[in-house]
Amino acid sequence: MPRRRRPRPSQGRPLQFNQTSETRGGRQWHVRRLTGATSHKAYVCPGCHREIPAGMAHVVVWPDEATSFVHASGVDERRHWHTACWERG
């Protein structure tokens, strides 16, 4: 009888790849630049409220520290922005 493969716990992708830090509005932000090849899902940009289609290069931004007790870390608050919207902000 063949052995069943146990599912591995999901650990997600590391967030340090292609990542920089920026200060905006007196807060420290982590910024990760995604290429179109690595974005497989559509998102809504919080800067312009328009869709970021799958396959379009954009940035993922999250605060260095959590802003509330609801979120355990700033990573829980990450948002996908059009690159131009983030740079304008």
PDB file of N, CA and C in Angstrom:
ATOM      1  N   MET A   1       0.838  -1.172   0.000  1.00  0.00           N
ATOM      2  CA  MET A   1       0.000   0.000   0.000  1.00  0.00           C
ATOM      3  C   MET A   1       0.890   1.246   0.000  1.00  0.00           C
ATOM      4  N   PRO A   2       0.637   2.206  -0.902  1.00  0.00           N
ATOM      5  CA  PRO A   2       1.465   3.408  -0.941  1.00  0.00           C
ATOM      6  C   PRO A   2       1.242   4.285   0.294  1.00  0.00           C
ATOM      7  N   ARG A   3       2.306   4.982   0.667  1.00  0.00           N
ATOM      8  CA  ARG A   3       2.220   5.890   1.814  1.00  0.00           C
ATOM      9  C   ARG A   3       1.519   7.181   1.412  1.00  0.00           C
ATOM     10  N   ARG A   4       0.739   7.703   2.316  1.00  0.00           N
ATOM     11  CA  ARG A   4       0.093   8.996   2.059  1.00  0.00           C
ATOM     12  C   ARG A   4       1.054  10.112   2.421  1.00  0.00           C
ATOM     13  N   ARG A   5       1.071  11.116   1.616  1.00  0.00           N
ATOM     14  CA  ARG A   5       1.910  12.273   1.915  1.00  0.00           C
ATOM     15  C   ARG A   5       1.180  13.177   2.896  1.00  0.00           C
ATOM     16  N   ARG A   6       1.873  13.562   3.927  1.00  0.00           N
ATOM     17  CA  ARG A   6       1.288  14.481   4.896  1.00  0.00           C
ATOM     18  C   ARG A   6       1.365  15.900   4.346  1.00  0.00           C
ATOM     19  N   PRO A   7       0.301  16.666   4.480  1.00  0.00           N
ATOM     20  CA  PRO A   7       0.386  18.053   4.028  1.00  0.00           C
ATOM     21  C   PRO A   7       1.336  18.841   4.918  1.00  0.00           C
ATOM     22  N   ARG A   8       2.135  19.663   4.306  1.00  0.00           N
ATOM     23  CA  ARG A   8       3.062  20.502   5.056  1.00  0.00           C
ATOM     24  C   ARG A   8       2.347  21.768   5.493  1.00  0.00           C
ATOM     25  N   PRO A   9       2.678  22.268   6.670  1.00  0.00           N
ATOM     26  CA  PRO A   9       2.066  23.525   7.088  1.00  0.00           C
ATOM     27  C   PRO A   9       2.545  24.658   6.174  1.00  0.00           C
ATOM     28  N   SER A  10       1.626  25.514   5.826  1.00  0.00           N
ATOM     29  CA  SER A  10       1.966  26.633   4.950  1.00  0.00           C
ATOM     30  C   SER A  10       2.807  27.644   5.716  1.00  0.00           C
ATOM     31  N   GLN A  11       3.956  27.966   5.157  1.00  0.00           N
ATOM     32  CA  GLN A  11       4.814  28.949   5.797  1.00  0.00           C
ATOM     33  C   GLN A  11       4.832  30.247   5.021  1.00  0.00           C
ATOM     34  N   GLY A  12       4.183  30.306   3.884  1.00  0.00           N
ATOM     35  CA  GLY A  12       4.147  31.530   3.100  1.00  0.00           C
ATOM     36  C   GLY A  12       5.486  31.825   2.459  1.00  0.00           C
ATOM     37  N   ARG A  13       5.509  32.880   1.688  1.00  0.00           N
ATOM     38  CA  ARG A  13       6.749  33.290   1.054  1.00  0.00           C
ATOM     39  C   ARG A  13       7.490  34.271   1.941  1.00  0.00           C
ATOM     40  N   PRO A  14       8.805  34.249   1.937  1.00  0.00           N
ATOM     41  CA  PRO A  14       9.537  35.224   2.744  1.00  0.00           C
ATOM     42  C   PRO A  14       9.281  36.633   2.219  1.00  0.00           C
ATOM     43  N   LEU A  15       9.167  37.587   3.127  1.00  0.00           N
ATOM     44  CA  LEU A  15       8.841  38.955   2.726  1.00  0.00           C
ATOM     45  C   LEU A  15      10.075  39.846   2.582  1.00  0.00           C
ATOM     46  N   GLN A  16      11.265  39.311   2.776  1.00  0.00           N
ATOM     47  CA  GLN A  16      12.466  40.125   2.703  1.00  0.00           C
ATOM     48  C   GLN A  16      12.966  40.315   1.278  1.00  0.00           C
ATOM     49  N   PHE A  17      12.516  39.514   0.335  1.00  0.00           N
ATOM     50  CA  PHE A  17      13.019  39.573  -1.031  1.00  0.00           C
ATOM     51  C   PHE A  17      12.633  40.889  -1.702  1.00  0.00           C
ATOM     52  N   ASN A  18      13.608  41.582  -2.282  1.00  0.00           N
ATOM     53  CA  ASN A  18      13.366  42.815  -3.031  1.00  0.00           C
ATOM     54  C   ASN A  18      12.615  43.831  -2.183  1.00  0.00           C
ATOM     55  N   GLN A  19      13.013  43.971  -0.946  1.00  0.00           N
ATOM     56  CA  GLN A  19      12.295  44.805   0.014  1.00  0.00           C
ATOM     57  C   GLN A  19      13.156  45.981   0.455  1.00  0.00           C
ATOM     58  N   THR A  20      12.531  47.144   0.596  1.00  0.00           N
ATOM     59  CA  THR A  20      13.203  48.329   1.110  1.00  0.00           C
ATOM     60  C   THR A  20      12.381  48.907   2.249  1.00  0.00           C
ATOM     61  N   SER A  21      12.931  49.890   2.926  1.00  0.00           N
ATOM     62  CA  SER A  21      12.209  50.603   3.982  1.00  0.00           C
ATOM     63  C   SER A  21      12.115  52.064   3.607  1.00  0.00           C
ATOM     64  N   GLU A  22      10.973  52.671   3.891  1.00  0.00           N
ATOM     65  CA  GLU A  22      10.755  54.094   3.620  1.00  0.00           C
ATOM     66  C   GLU A  22      10.028  54.711   4.798  1.00  0.00           C
ATOM     67  N   THR A  23      10.226  56.005   4.989  1.00  0.00           N
ATOM     68  CA  THR A  23       9.511  56.738   6.024  1.00  0.00           C
ATOM     69  C   THR A  23       8.507  57.655   5.351  1.00  0.00           C
ATOM     70  N   ARG A  24       7.252  57.528   5.749  1.00  0.00           N
ATOM     71  CA  ARG A  24       6.166  58.367   5.226  1.00  0.00           C
ATOM     72  C   ARG A  24       5.238  58.718   6.366  1.00  0.00           C
ATOM     73  N   GLY A  25       4.859  59.975   6.446  1.00  0.00           N
ATOM     74  CA  GLY A  25       3.911  60.393   7.480  1.00  0.00           C
ATOM     75  C   GLY A  25       4.398  60.095   8.890  1.00  0.00           C
ATOM     76  N   GLY A  26       5.707  60.136   9.085  1.00  0.00           N
ATOM     77  CA  GLY A  26       6.269  59.883  10.402  1.00  0.00           C
ATOM     78  C   GLY A  26       6.315  58.410  10.795  1.00  0.00           C
ATOM     79  N   ARG A  27       5.995  57.513   9.865  1.00  0.00           N
ATOM     80  CA  ARG A  27       6.019  56.075  10.137  1.00  0.00           C
ATOM     81  C   ARG A  27       6.982  55.372   9.204  1.00  0.00           C
ATOM     82  N   GLN A  28       7.506  54.279   9.673  1.00  0.00           N
ATOM     83  CA  GLN A  28       8.394  53.445   8.868  1.00  0.00           C
ATOM     84  C   GLN A  28       7.569  52.406   8.126  1.00  0.00           C
ATOM     85  N   TRP A  29       7.812  52.245   6.819  1.00  0.00           N
ATOM     86  CA  TRP A  29       7.069  51.304   5.982  1.00  0.00           C
ATOM     87  C   TRP A  29       8.038  50.366   5.269  1.00  0.00           C
ATOM     88  N   HIS A  30       7.634  49.124   5.127  1.00  0.00           N
ATOM     89  CA  HIS A  30       8.356  48.162   4.301  1.00  0.00           C
ATOM     90  C   HIS A  30       7.698  48.191   2.926  1.00  0.00           C
ATOM     91  N   VAL A  31       8.523  48.227   1.892  1.00  0.00           N
ATOM     92  CA  VAL A  31       8.016  48.283   0.522  1.00  0.00           C
ATOM     93  C   VAL A  31       8.650  47.153  -0.272  1.00  0.00           C
ATOM     94  N   ARG A  32       7.813  46.332  -0.863  1.00  0.00           N
ATOM     95  CA  ARG A  32       8.296  45.221  -1.694  1.00  0.00           C
ATOM     96  C   ARG A  32       7.791  45.439  -3.108  1.00  0.00           C
ATOM     97  N   ARG A  33       8.693  45.442  -4.058  1.00  0.00           N
ATOM     98  CA  ARG A  33       8.337  45.643  -5.459  1.00  0.00           C
ATOM     99  C   ARG A  33       8.107  44.292  -6.126  1.00  0.00           C
ATOM    100  N   LEU A  34       6.919  44.134  -6.704  1.00  0.00           N
ATOM    101  CA  LEU A  34       6.570  42.895  -7.381  1.00  0.00           C
ATOM    102  C   LEU A  34       6.594  43.102  -8.887  1.00  0.00           C
ATOM    103  N   THR A  35       7.116  42.130  -9.595  1.00  0.00           N
ATOM    104  CA  THR A  35       7.077  42.178 -11.051  1.00  0.00           C
ATOM    105  C   THR A  35       5.744  41.621 -11.524  1.00  0.00           C
ATOM    106  N   GLY A  36       5.405  41.851 -12.736  1.00  0.00           N
ATOM    107  CA  GLY A  36       4.174  41.296 -13.275  1.00  0.00           C
ATOM    108  C   GLY A  36       4.172  39.778 -13.252  1.00  0.00           C
ATOM    109  N   ALA A  37       5.354  39.175 -13.390  1.00  0.00           N
ATOM    110  CA  ALA A  37       5.453  37.714 -13.418  1.00  0.00           C
ATOM    111  C   ALA A  37       5.145  37.084 -12.059  1.00  0.00           C
ATOM    112  N   THR A  38       5.293  37.852 -10.979  1.00  0.00           N
ATOM    113  CA  THR A  38       5.066  37.291  -9.651  1.00  0.00           C
ATOM    114  C   THR A  38       3.707  37.662  -9.063  1.00  0.00           C
ATOM    115  N   SER A  39       2.926  38.448  -9.780  1.00  0.00           N
ATOM    116  CA  SER A  39       1.609  38.812  -9.239  1.00  0.00           C
ATOM    117  C   SER A  39       0.532  38.042  -9.997  1.00  0.00           C
ATOM    118  N   HIS A  40      -0.154  37.184  -9.272  1.00  0.00           N
ATOM    119  CA  HIS A  40      -1.116  36.274  -9.890  1.00  0.00           C
ATOM    120  C   HIS A  40      -2.558  36.582  -9.518  1.00  0.00           C
ATOM    121  N   LYS A  41      -2.780  37.676  -8.845  1.00  0.00           N
ATOM    122  CA  LYS A  41      -4.104  37.986  -8.330  1.00  0.00           C
ATOM    123  C   LYS A  41      -4.391  39.474  -8.557  1.00  0.00           C
ATOM    124  N   ALA A  42      -5.645  39.839  -8.684  1.00  0.00           N
ATOM    125  CA  ALA A  42      -6.025  41.250  -8.810  1.00  0.00           C
ATOM    126  C   ALA A  42      -6.235  41.838  -7.411  1.00  0.00           C
ATOM    127  N   TYR A  43      -5.889  43.104  -7.235  1.00  0.00           N
ATOM    128  CA  TYR A  43      -6.053  43.813  -5.972  1.00  0.00           C
ATOM    129  C   TYR A  43      -6.668  45.176  -6.259  1.00  0.00           C
ATOM    130  N   VAL A  44      -7.116  45.862  -5.222  1.00  0.00           N
ATOM    131  CA  VAL A  44      -7.605  47.233  -5.358  1.00  0.00           C
ATOM    132  C   VAL A  44      -6.606  48.142  -4.662  1.00  0.00           C
ATOM    133  N   CYS A  45      -6.106  49.129  -5.375  1.00  0.00           N
ATOM    134  CA  CYS A  45      -5.120  50.071  -4.849  1.00  0.00           C
ATOM    135  C   CYS A  45      -5.801  51.023  -3.865  1.00  0.00           C
ATOM    136  N   PRO A  46      -5.262  51.168  -2.634  1.00  0.00           N
ATOM    137  CA  PRO A  46      -5.867  52.091  -1.677  1.00  0.00           C
ATOM    138  C   PRO A  46      -5.618  53.557  -2.026  1.00  0.00           C
ATOM    139  N   GLY A  47      -4.697  53.831  -2.944  1.00  0.00           N
ATOM    140  CA  GLY A  47      -4.412  55.208  -3.328  1.00  0.00           C
ATOM    141  C   GLY A  47      -5.421  55.791  -4.300  1.00  0.00           C
ATOM    142  N   CYS A  48      -5.848  54.979  -5.278  1.00  0.00           N
ATOM    143  CA  CYS A  48      -6.771  55.472  -6.304  1.00  0.00           C
ATOM    144  C   CYS A  48      -8.068  54.675  -6.356  1.00  0.00           C
ATOM    145  N   HIS A  49      -8.153  53.602  -5.591  1.00  0.00           N
ATOM    146  CA  HIS A  49      -9.331  52.722  -5.533  1.00  0.00           C
ATOM    147  C   HIS A  49      -9.644  52.063  -6.873  1.00  0.00           C
ATOM    148  N   ARG A  50      -8.623  51.896  -7.696  1.00  0.00           N
ATOM    149  CA  ARG A  50      -8.781  51.194  -8.970  1.00  0.00           C
ATOM    150  C   ARG A  50      -8.096  49.837  -8.874  1.00  0.00           C
ATOM    151  N   GLU A  51      -8.506  48.961  -9.772  1.00  0.00           N
ATOM    152  CA  GLU A  51      -7.960  47.609  -9.758  1.00  0.00           C
ATOM    153  C   GLU A  51      -6.515  47.569 -10.240  1.00  0.00           C
ATOM    154  N   ILE A  52      -5.726  46.724  -9.582  1.00  0.00           N
ATOM    155  CA  ILE A  52      -4.396  46.343 -10.056  1.00  0.00           C
ATOM    156  C   ILE A  52      -4.588  44.959 -10.649  1.00  0.00           C
ATOM    157  N   PRO A  53      -4.595  44.826 -11.966  1.00  0.00           N
ATOM    158  CA  PRO A  53      -4.879  43.515 -12.555  1.00  0.00           C
ATOM    159  C   PRO A  53      -3.746  42.514 -12.298  1.00  0.00           C
ATOM    160  N   ALA A  54      -4.093  41.245 -12.313  1.00  0.00           N
ATOM    161  CA  ALA A  54      -3.082  40.188 -12.184  1.00  0.00           C
ATOM    162  C   ALA A  54      -2.068  40.350 -13.310  1.00  0.00           C
ATOM    163  N   GLY A  55      -0.813  40.164 -12.994  1.00  0.00           N
ATOM    164  CA  GLY A  55       0.237  40.278 -14.000  1.00  0.00           C
ATOM    165  C   GLY A  55       0.813  41.669 -14.136  1.00  0.00           C
ATOM    166  N   MET A  56       0.324  42.643 -13.378  1.00  0.00           N
ATOM    167  CA  MET A  56       0.836  44.011 -13.450  1.00  0.00           C
ATOM    168  C   MET A  56       1.835  44.248 -12.316  1.00  0.00           C
ATOM    169  N   ALA A  57       2.966  44.831 -12.639  1.00  0.00           N
ATOM    170  CA  ALA A  57       3.957  45.155 -11.615  1.00  0.00           C
ATOM    171  C   ALA A  57       3.362  46.191 -10.660  1.00  0.00           C
ATOM    172  N   HIS A  58       3.631  46.029  -9.354  1.00  0.00           N
ATOM    173  CA  HIS A  58       3.132  46.964  -8.345  1.00  0.00           C
ATOM    174  C   HIS A  58       3.944  46.800  -7.069  1.00  0.00           C
ATOM    175  N   VAL A  59       3.594  47.526  -6.019  1.00  0.00           N
ATOM    176  CA  VAL A  59       4.301  47.414  -4.744  1.00  0.00           C
ATOM    177  C   VAL A  59       3.352  46.915  -3.661  1.00  0.00           C
ATOM    178  N   VAL A  60       3.928  46.196  -2.703  1.00  0.00           N
ATOM    179  CA  VAL A  60       3.203  45.777  -1.505  1.00  0.00           C
ATOM    180  C   VAL A  60       3.830  46.553  -0.358  1.00  0.00           C
ATOM    181  N   VAL A  61       2.984  47.196   0.449  1.00  0.00           N
ATOM    182  CA  VAL A  61       3.460  48.085   1.505  1.00  0.00           C
ATOM    183  C   VAL A  61       2.812  47.684   2.826  1.00  0.00           C
ATOM    184  N   TRP A  62       3.611  47.668   3.908  1.00  0.00           N
ATOM    185  CA  TRP A  62       3.062  47.414   5.231  1.00  0.00           C
ATOM    186  C   TRP A  62       3.893  48.147   6.268  1.00  0.00           C
ATOM    187  N   PRO A  63       3.242  48.559   7.370  1.00  0.00           N
ATOM    188  CA  PRO A  63       3.961  49.312   8.399  1.00  0.00           C
ATOM    189  C   PRO A  63       4.953  48.438   9.157  1.00  0.00           C
ATOM    190  N   ASP A  64       5.980  49.091   9.666  1.00  0.00           N
ATOM    191  CA  ASP A  64       6.994  48.388  10.440  1.00  0.00           C
ATOM    192  C   ASP A  64       6.400  47.812  11.716  1.00  0.00           C
ATOM    193  N   GLU A  65       5.453  48.522  12.316  1.00  0.00           N
ATOM    194  CA  GLU A  65       4.815  48.060  13.543  1.00  0.00           C
ATOM    195  C   GLU A  65       3.308  48.008  13.347  1.00  0.00           C
ATOM    196  N   ALA A  66       2.658  47.175  14.098  1.00  0.00           N
ATOM    197  CA  ALA A  66       1.198  47.072  14.034  1.00  0.00           C
ATOM    198  C   ALA A  66       0.571  48.369  14.528  1.00  0.00           C
ATOM    199  N   THR A  67      -0.587  48.713  13.959  1.00  0.00           N
ATOM    200  CA  THR A  67      -1.266  49.946  14.354  1.00  0.00           C
ATOM    201  C   THR A  67      -2.386  49.699  15.351  1.00  0.00           C
ATOM    202  N   SER A  68      -2.696  48.445  15.632  1.00  0.00           N
ATOM    203  CA  SER A  68      -3.759  48.148  16.592  1.00  0.00           C
ATOM    204  C   SER A  68      -3.512  46.791  17.230  1.00  0.00           C
ATOM    205  N   PHE A  69      -4.267  46.509  18.265  1.00  0.00           N
ATOM    206  CA  PHE A  69      -4.148  45.215  18.928  1.00  0.00           C
ATOM    207  C   PHE A  69      -4.768  44.097  18.100  1.00  0.00           C
ATOM    208  N   VAL A  70      -5.602  44.446  17.142  1.00  0.00           N
ATOM    209  CA  VAL A  70      -6.252  43.448  16.298  1.00  0.00           C
ATOM    210  C   VAL A  70      -5.224  42.744  15.423  1.00  0.00           C
ATOM    211  N   HIS A  71      -4.246  43.509  14.943  1.00  0.00           N
ATOM    212  CA  HIS A  71      -3.216  42.965  14.064  1.00  0.00           C
ATOM    213  C   HIS A  71      -1.972  42.652  14.884  1.00  0.00           C
ATOM    214  N   ALA A  72      -1.508  41.407  14.794  1.00  0.00           N
ATOM    215  CA  ALA A  72      -0.352  40.980  15.580  1.00  0.00           C
ATOM    216  C   ALA A  72       0.934  41.653  15.115  1.00  0.00           C
ATOM    217  N   SER A  73       1.010  41.971  13.833  1.00  0.00           N
ATOM    218  CA  SER A  73       2.206  42.628  13.303  1.00  0.00           C
ATOM    219  C   SER A  73       1.810  43.502  12.132  1.00  0.00           C
ATOM    220  N   GLY A  74       2.717  44.350  11.699  1.00  0.00           N
ATOM    221  CA  GLY A  74       2.446  45.209  10.558  1.00  0.00           C
ATOM    222  C   GLY A  74       2.205  44.433   9.275  1.00  0.00           C
ATOM    223  N   VAL A  75       2.746  43.218   9.184  1.00  0.00           N
ATOM    224  CA  VAL A  75       2.568  42.397   7.978  1.00  0.00           C
ATOM    225  C   VAL A  75       1.087  42.115   7.739  1.00  0.00           C
ATOM    226  N   ASP A  76       0.314  42.006   8.814  1.00  0.00           N
ATOM    227  CA  ASP A  76      -1.128  41.767   8.679  1.00  0.00           C
ATOM    228  C   ASP A  76      -1.842  42.943   8.003  1.00  0.00           C
ATOM    229  N   GLU A  77      -1.193  44.087   7.969  1.00  0.00           N
ATOM    230  CA  GLU A  77      -1.796  45.293   7.410  1.00  0.00           C
ATOM    231  C   GLU A  77      -1.255  45.634   6.017  1.00  0.00           C
ATOM    232  N   ARG A  78      -0.633  44.688   5.348  1.00  0.00           N
ATOM    233  CA  ARG A  78      -0.032  45.001   4.044  1.00  0.00           C
ATOM    234  C   ARG A  78      -1.107  45.293   3.004  1.00  0.00           C
ATOM    235  N   ARG A  79      -0.766  46.203   2.109  1.00  0.00           N
ATOM    236  CA  ARG A  79      -1.667  46.625   1.043  1.00  0.00           C
ATOM    237  C   ARG A  79      -0.907  46.675  -0.271  1.00  0.00           C
ATOM    238  N   HIS A  80      -1.610  46.398  -1.345  1.00  0.00           N
ATOM    239  CA  HIS A  80      -1.039  46.422  -2.691  1.00  0.00           C
ATOM    240  C   HIS A  80      -1.376  47.762  -3.336  1.00  0.00           C
ATOM    241  N   TRP A  81      -0.357  48.475  -3.807  1.00  0.00           N
ATOM    242  CA  TRP A  81      -0.514  49.794  -4.416  1.00  0.00           C
ATOM    243  C   TRP A  81       0.036  49.773  -5.842  1.00  0.00           C
ATOM    244  N   HIS A  82      -0.560  50.587  -6.720  1.00  0.00           N
ATOM    245  CA  HIS A  82       0.111  50.881  -7.989  1.00  0.00           C
ATOM    246  C   HIS A  82       1.419  51.575  -7.617  1.00  0.00           C
ATOM    247  N   THR A  83       2.473  51.292  -8.320  1.00  0.00           N
ATOM    248  CA  THR A  83       3.766  51.911  -8.021  1.00  0.00           C
ATOM    249  C   THR A  83       3.662  53.428  -8.068  1.00  0.00           C
ATOM    250  N   ALA A  84       3.009  53.972  -9.083  1.00  0.00           N
ATOM    251  CA  ALA A  84       2.875  55.424  -9.220  1.00  0.00           C
ATOM    252  C   ALA A  84       2.056  56.032  -8.072  1.00  0.00           C
ATOM    253  N   CYS A  85       1.021  55.363  -7.646  1.00  0.00           N
ATOM    254  CA  CYS A  85       0.202  55.866  -6.528  1.00  0.00           C
ATOM    255  C   CYS A  85       1.023  55.936  -5.240  1.00  0.00           C
ATOM    256  N   TRP A  86       1.819  54.892  -4.984  1.00  0.00           N
ATOM    257  CA  TRP A  86       2.653  54.894  -3.779  1.00  0.00           C
ATOM    258  C   TRP A  86       3.702  56.000  -3.859  1.00  0.00           C
ATOM    259  N   GLU A  87       4.338  56.163  -5.000  1.00  0.00           N
ATOM    260  CA  GLU A  87       5.366  57.184  -5.151  1.00  0.00           C
ATOM    261  C   GLU A  87       4.803  58.604  -5.059  1.00  0.00           C
ATOM    262  N   ARG A  88       3.563  58.792  -5.482  1.00  0.00           N
ATOM    263  CA  ARG A  88       2.898  60.095  -5.376  1.00  0.00           C
ATOM    264  C   ARG A  88       2.537  60.434  -3.933  1.00  0.00           C
ATOM    265  N   GLY A  89       2.167  59.363  -3.195  1.00  0.00           N
ATOM    266  CA  GLY A  89       1.608  59.505  -1.848  1.00  0.00           C
ATOM    267  C   GLY A  89       2.437  60.270  -0.909  1.00  0.00           C
TER     268      GLY A  89
END
